[in-house]
Every structure is written in structure tokens, then in C-alpha cells.
Amino acid sequence: MAEWDNPDVELLHDINGLAREAPGWADHLMEYVGEYGTIAALGLLGLWAWWTARRRPDAVSAVAGLVWAALAAGVAVLVNVPIREFVERPRPFLTHDGLEVLVDGKEDFSFVSDHATLAMALAVGIFMVNRRLGLVGILVAVFAGFCRVYMGVHYPTDVIGGLALGTAVTLLLAPVALALLTPLLRAMAASPRIGRLVSASPEPRPEPGAGEPDAERRPYDRDLVA
């Protein structure tokens, strides 16, 4: 029982043991939530954040941040590919007996969790634009990691590593990504066809009285430019 001296394995059995004691419908629900539900929830949060960001005065930079959130999730998962190949950690159910495995076909390497990486990258990206929705997203990402351990397909440290990787990629690469994305989104905002995807505000109008002789300006126009 030397493996039980490992806190990572102990916590794995403690969390996965909940699946063994839960009714079948609860395990099916957790399987769906762990595989698809949490990522879908983060996608909806991202859409909500985009809808509100379009109405902000800094709509261009805010929407650029949300575009980066989606791109960061993909970049983080790609960064994880060589990490998995280097660590070569087997899935927990391949080396530990007695686990309740809720999903089949997970025979690639375990460290770090793609689900946790992708979820946290999305959540941190949303947090950079909208703190309230981002905090909700971070809670969803942590719950996604819990689900992966509950399902018996990851160690807790796989999840912690994924949460850290998603956070690091999103924050560390954000300055460069936003420097590239913001001019692109600004150009899109100026387009009459797709501008509404970036900003819900109408195109800025000329300054009041611009091009008019001073004598013809309305009194309040002269006050604004005084």
C-alpha cells in the first residue's frame, strides 16, 4: 500500500470514491458535465462577455481580449502536447486498481489535463475583460478539473498543472497577442459590414459645428469648443 503514502493518489481515491457511492444518474451527469458541460458553460460566458464588451467605451480592446481568450485556449493545449510527451505519465486507471472510470477511450498520457488547461485559459482570458464573469469562469474551470478526477481519468496534480498552464499561457502571451489583435479589431470596428461584431456604438460623428463658420454655430456649439 505504498501508493497510499502519496497524497496525490490518496486524493484521487477520495474524490473518485464519490463516483462509486453515487447513484448511476449522478455519474452520468458528471460524465457529461466533465466532458462537455464545463467547456460549453465557458463558451456561453465568453459570448455574454462579448455581448457586453461591445457596448463599452473601450469595446475594441475588450473584444480583442476575448478573441485572445479563445486563441489562448488553443495555444495552451498545443503547448501541452510536448509536455505530455516529455512527462509520459500514464492515466491513473492504468496503474491503480479500484478506480471508478466513467469514460472510456482515455489512453493517452495524463499530465497535464487538456480539459483543465483549456478551461482555465478561457476563464482567465474572460477575467481580463470582465472580472465578474471571469470569476465565475474560474470557478467553472476549477470544477471542470474536479470532474476529471471524479471521472477517474486524471490525478489531482494533472488538473493543478493544467490550471497553472492555462493561466500562464494566457497572461504571459497577452501583451504580444493584444498588441497584434487590437489594430485588427480596430479596423474591423470601422467596417460598415462587420463593425457591429466589435462595437455596438454607432460610428463617431463629426464634431458639432465642424466646417461651419463661427457666426453660424449654435450658442451651445460655441460653448463646447470654447
Protein backbone atom coordinates (compact mmCIF):
# COMPACT_ATOMS: atom_id res chain seq x y z
CA MET A 1 0.00 0.00 0.00
CA ALA A 2 2.96 2.32 -0.56
CA GLU A 3 0.92 4.19 -3.17
CA TRP A 4 -1.41 5.37 -0.43
CA ASP A 5 1.51 7.29 1.09
CA ASN A 6 1.32 9.56 -1.97
CA PRO A 7 -1.08 12.48 -1.27
CA ASP A 8 -1.84 12.74 -4.98
CA VAL A 9 -3.05 9.13 -5.11
CA GLU A 10 -4.90 9.45 -1.80
CA LEU A 11 -6.82 12.46 -3.03
CA LEU A 12 -7.51 10.68 -6.32
CA HIS A 13 -9.11 7.77 -4.48
CA ASP A 14 -11.03 10.10 -2.14
CA ILE A 15 -12.57 12.09 -4.98
CA ASN A 16 -13.11 9.17 -7.31
CA GLY A 17 -14.62 7.23 -4.41
CA LEU A 18 -17.56 9.64 -4.58
CA ALA A 19 -18.40 8.21 -8.01
CA ARG A 20 -18.53 4.70 -6.59
CA GLU A 21 -21.00 5.76 -3.92
CA ALA A 22 -23.15 7.99 -6.13
CA PRO A 23 -26.28 6.80 -7.97
CA GLY A 24 -25.92 5.97 -11.65
CA TRP A 25 -27.74 9.07 -12.86
CA ALA A 26 -25.32 11.30 -10.93
CA ASP A 27 -22.31 9.62 -12.52
CA HIS A 28 -23.83 10.04 -15.99
CA LEU A 29 -24.44 13.71 -15.24
CA MET A 30 -20.88 14.22 -14.02
CA GLU A 31 -19.55 12.43 -17.09
CA TYR A 32 -21.45 14.80 -19.38
CA VAL A 33 -20.51 17.88 -17.37
CA GLY A 34 -16.85 16.85 -17.18
CA GLU A 35 -16.58 16.09 -20.89
CA TYR A 36 -18.71 18.84 -22.43
CA GLY A 37 -20.72 20.87 -19.95
CA THR A 38 -17.99 22.96 -18.37
CA ILE A 39 -16.44 23.91 -21.71
CA ALA A 40 -19.89 24.79 -23.07
CA ALA A 41 -20.57 26.92 -19.99
CA LEU A 42 -17.31 28.81 -20.52
CA GLY A 43 -18.25 29.34 -24.15
CA LEU A 44 -21.56 30.87 -23.07
CA LEU A 45 -19.76 33.09 -20.56
CA GLY A 46 -17.46 34.22 -23.34
CA LEU A 47 -20.44 35.11 -25.54
CA TRP A 48 -22.02 37.00 -22.67
CA ALA A 49 -18.78 38.89 -22.07
CA TRP A 50 -18.57 39.71 -25.80
CA TRP A 51 -22.16 40.98 -25.89
CA THR A 52 -21.49 43.37 -23.01
CA ALA A 53 -17.99 44.33 -24.22
CA ARG A 54 -19.42 45.65 -27.49
CA ARG A 55 -21.24 48.35 -25.51
CA ARG A 56 -18.21 49.55 -23.59
CA PRO A 57 -16.25 52.70 -24.46
CA ASP A 58 -13.16 50.51 -24.83
CA ALA A 59 -15.02 47.98 -26.98
CA VAL A 60 -12.10 47.42 -29.37
CA SER A 61 -9.59 46.44 -26.68
CA ALA A 62 -12.21 44.46 -24.74
CA VAL A 63 -13.25 42.37 -27.75
CA ALA A 64 -9.58 41.91 -28.64
CA GLY A 65 -9.11 40.45 -25.16
CA LEU A 66 -11.93 37.99 -25.71
CA VAL A 67 -10.54 36.94 -29.08
CA TRP A 68 -7.25 36.30 -27.29
CA ALA A 69 -9.09 34.21 -24.66
CA ALA A 70 -10.25 31.82 -27.37
CA LEU A 71 -6.86 31.77 -29.09
CA ALA A 72 -5.04 31.31 -25.77
CA ALA A 73 -7.06 28.18 -25.07
CA GLY A 74 -5.88 26.66 -28.32
CA VAL A 75 -2.28 27.78 -27.80
CA ALA A 76 -2.24 26.35 -24.26
CA VAL A 77 -3.47 22.97 -25.47
CA LEU A 78 -0.77 22.95 -28.16
CA VAL A 79 1.88 23.82 -25.58
CA ASN A 80 0.68 20.84 -23.56
CA VAL A 81 1.44 18.39 -26.39
CA PRO A 82 5.24 18.32 -25.87
CA ILE A 83 4.76 18.45 -22.09
CA ARG A 84 2.69 15.26 -22.19
CA GLU A 85 5.17 13.53 -24.44
CA PHE A 86 8.06 14.52 -22.19
CA VAL A 87 6.46 13.51 -18.87
CA GLU A 88 4.75 10.36 -20.21
CA ARG A 89 2.55 9.87 -17.18
CA PRO A 90 0.01 7.06 -17.68
CA ARG A 91 -3.65 7.57 -16.89
CA PRO A 92 -4.38 6.74 -13.24
CA PHE A 93 -6.70 3.84 -14.02
CA LEU A 94 -3.89 2.12 -15.93
CA THR A 95 -1.64 1.95 -12.86
CA HIS A 96 -4.10 1.92 -9.93
CA ASP A 97 -6.79 -0.67 -9.35
CA GLY A 98 -10.19 0.02 -7.88
CA LEU A 99 -10.94 3.29 -9.65
CA GLU A 100 -14.43 4.02 -10.99
CA VAL A 101 -13.77 5.13 -14.57
CA LEU A 102 -16.75 6.96 -16.06
CA VAL A 103 -15.49 7.43 -19.62
CA ASP A 104 -13.72 5.01 -21.94
CA GLY A 105 -11.01 5.56 -24.52
CA LYS A 106 -8.71 7.80 -22.46
CA GLU A 107 -5.40 6.06 -23.02
CA ASP A 108 -3.14 8.99 -23.92
CA PHE A 109 -0.82 10.49 -21.33
CA SER A 110 -2.28 12.12 -18.25
CA PHE A 111 -0.10 15.11 -17.31
CA VAL A 112 -1.30 17.77 -17.75
CA SER A 113 -5.06 17.78 -18.21
CA ASP A 114 -6.16 19.26 -21.55
CA HIS A 115 -9.62 20.00 -20.15
CA ALA A 116 -8.23 21.92 -17.17
CA THR A 117 -5.74 23.75 -19.39
CA LEU A 118 -8.32 24.82 -21.94
CA ALA A 119 -10.93 25.75 -19.32
CA MET A 120 -8.59 27.92 -17.27
CA ALA A 121 -7.15 29.65 -20.33
CA LEU A 122 -10.67 30.64 -21.37
CA ALA A 123 -11.61 31.69 -17.84
CA VAL A 124 -8.52 33.86 -17.30
CA GLY A 125 -8.99 35.46 -20.71
CA ILE A 126 -12.57 36.35 -19.81
CA PHE A 127 -11.39 37.64 -16.41
CA MET A 128 -9.00 40.05 -18.15
CA VAL A 129 -12.02 41.68 -19.83
CA ASN A 130 -14.85 41.18 -17.32
CA ARG A 131 -13.89 40.38 -13.75
CA ARG A 132 -17.34 39.32 -12.61
CA LEU A 133 -17.87 36.85 -15.45
CA GLY A 134 -14.22 35.86 -15.25
CA LEU A 135 -14.53 34.86 -11.59
CA VAL A 136 -17.50 32.69 -12.49
CA GLY A 137 -15.43 31.21 -15.31
CA ILE A 138 -12.52 30.43 -12.98
CA LEU A 139 -14.89 28.57 -10.65
CA VAL A 140 -16.22 26.63 -13.64
CA ALA A 141 -12.64 25.77 -14.69
CA VAL A 142 -11.78 24.51 -11.20
CA PHE A 143 -14.97 22.44 -11.20
CA ALA A 144 -14.01 21.04 -14.60
CA GLY A 145 -10.76 19.83 -13.04
CA PHE A 146 -12.64 18.28 -10.14
CA CYS A 147 -14.85 16.43 -12.62
CA ARG A 148 -11.82 14.94 -14.36
CA VAL A 149 -10.57 13.46 -11.10
CA TYR A 150 -14.09 12.33 -10.16
CA MET A 151 -14.30 10.52 -13.51
CA GLY A 152 -11.08 8.64 -12.77
CA VAL A 153 -9.17 9.92 -15.81
CA HIS A 154 -6.73 12.34 -14.13
CA TYR A 155 -4.68 12.73 -10.99
CA PRO A 156 -5.28 15.91 -8.96
CA THR A 157 -1.79 17.14 -9.93
CA ASP A 158 -2.72 16.73 -13.61
CA VAL A 159 -5.53 19.18 -13.01
CA ILE A 160 -3.42 21.60 -10.97
CA GLY A 161 -0.80 21.56 -13.71
CA GLY A 162 -3.46 22.24 -16.34
CA LEU A 163 -4.92 25.16 -14.40
CA ALA A 164 -1.44 26.63 -13.99
CA LEU A 165 -0.53 26.11 -17.66
CA GLY A 166 -3.74 27.73 -18.91
CA THR A 167 -3.21 30.72 -16.63
CA ALA A 168 0.45 31.15 -17.58
CA VAL A 169 -0.08 30.97 -21.34
CA THR A 170 -2.98 33.44 -21.26
CA LEU A 171 -1.24 36.03 -19.06
CA LEU A 172 2.33 35.78 -20.34
CA LEU A 173 1.46 35.97 -24.03
CA ALA A 174 -1.33 38.55 -23.62
CA PRO A 175 0.81 41.69 -24.20
CA VAL A 176 2.11 40.46 -27.55
CA ALA A 177 -1.24 38.98 -28.59
CA LEU A 178 -3.19 42.14 -27.75
CA ALA A 179 -0.63 44.33 -29.50
CA LEU A 180 -1.31 42.34 -32.67
CA LEU A 181 -5.06 41.87 -32.25
CA THR A 182 -6.08 45.39 -31.23
CA PRO A 183 -5.21 47.08 -34.58
CA LEU A 184 -7.02 44.29 -36.41
CA LEU A 185 -10.12 44.68 -34.26
CA ARG A 186 -9.96 48.47 -34.66
CA ALA A 187 -10.00 48.04 -38.43
CA MET A 188 -12.94 45.65 -38.14
CA ALA A 189 -14.81 48.16 -35.97
CA ALA A 190 -14.51 50.75 -38.72
CA SER A 191 -16.06 48.42 -41.28
CA PRO A 192 -19.74 49.08 -42.05
CA ARG A 193 -20.34 45.36 -42.61
CA ILE A 194 -18.70 43.72 -39.61
CA GLY A 195 -18.13 46.65 -37.29
CA ARG A 196 -21.06 45.63 -35.07
CA LEU A 197 -19.17 42.47 -34.14
CA VAL A 198 -16.67 44.66 -32.35
CA SER A 199 -18.64 47.68 -31.19
CA ALA A 200 -22.37 48.26 -30.80
CA SER A 201 -21.86 52.03 -30.74
CA PRO A 202 -22.54 53.97 -33.92
CA GLU A 203 -19.66 55.39 -35.89
CA PRO A 204 -18.39 58.63 -34.34
CA ARG A 205 -19.95 61.75 -35.89
CA PRO A 206 -18.09 64.93 -36.81
CA GLU A 207 -17.62 67.45 -34.04
CA PRO A 208 -20.64 69.77 -33.66
CA GLY A 209 -20.29 72.73 -35.94
CA ALA A 210 -17.25 71.34 -37.75
CA GLY A 211 -16.86 73.13 -41.07
CA GLU A 212 -19.36 75.86 -40.13
CA PRO A 213 -18.39 79.49 -39.79
CA ASP A 214 -18.26 80.66 -36.19
CA ALA A 215 -21.12 83.06 -36.74
CA GLU A 216 -23.41 80.26 -37.89
CA ARG A 217 -22.74 77.93 -34.94
CA ARG A 218 -25.45 77.44 -32.39
CA PRO A 219 -24.76 79.01 -28.98
CA TYR A 220 -24.22 75.66 -27.22
CA ASP A 221 -21.84 74.60 -30.01
CA ARG A 222 -19.63 77.59 -29.24
CA ASP A 223 -19.74 76.67 -25.56
CA LEU A 224 -18.48 73.12 -26.31
CA VAL A 225 -15.48 74.34 -28.23
CA ALA A 226 -14.69 77.34 -26.03
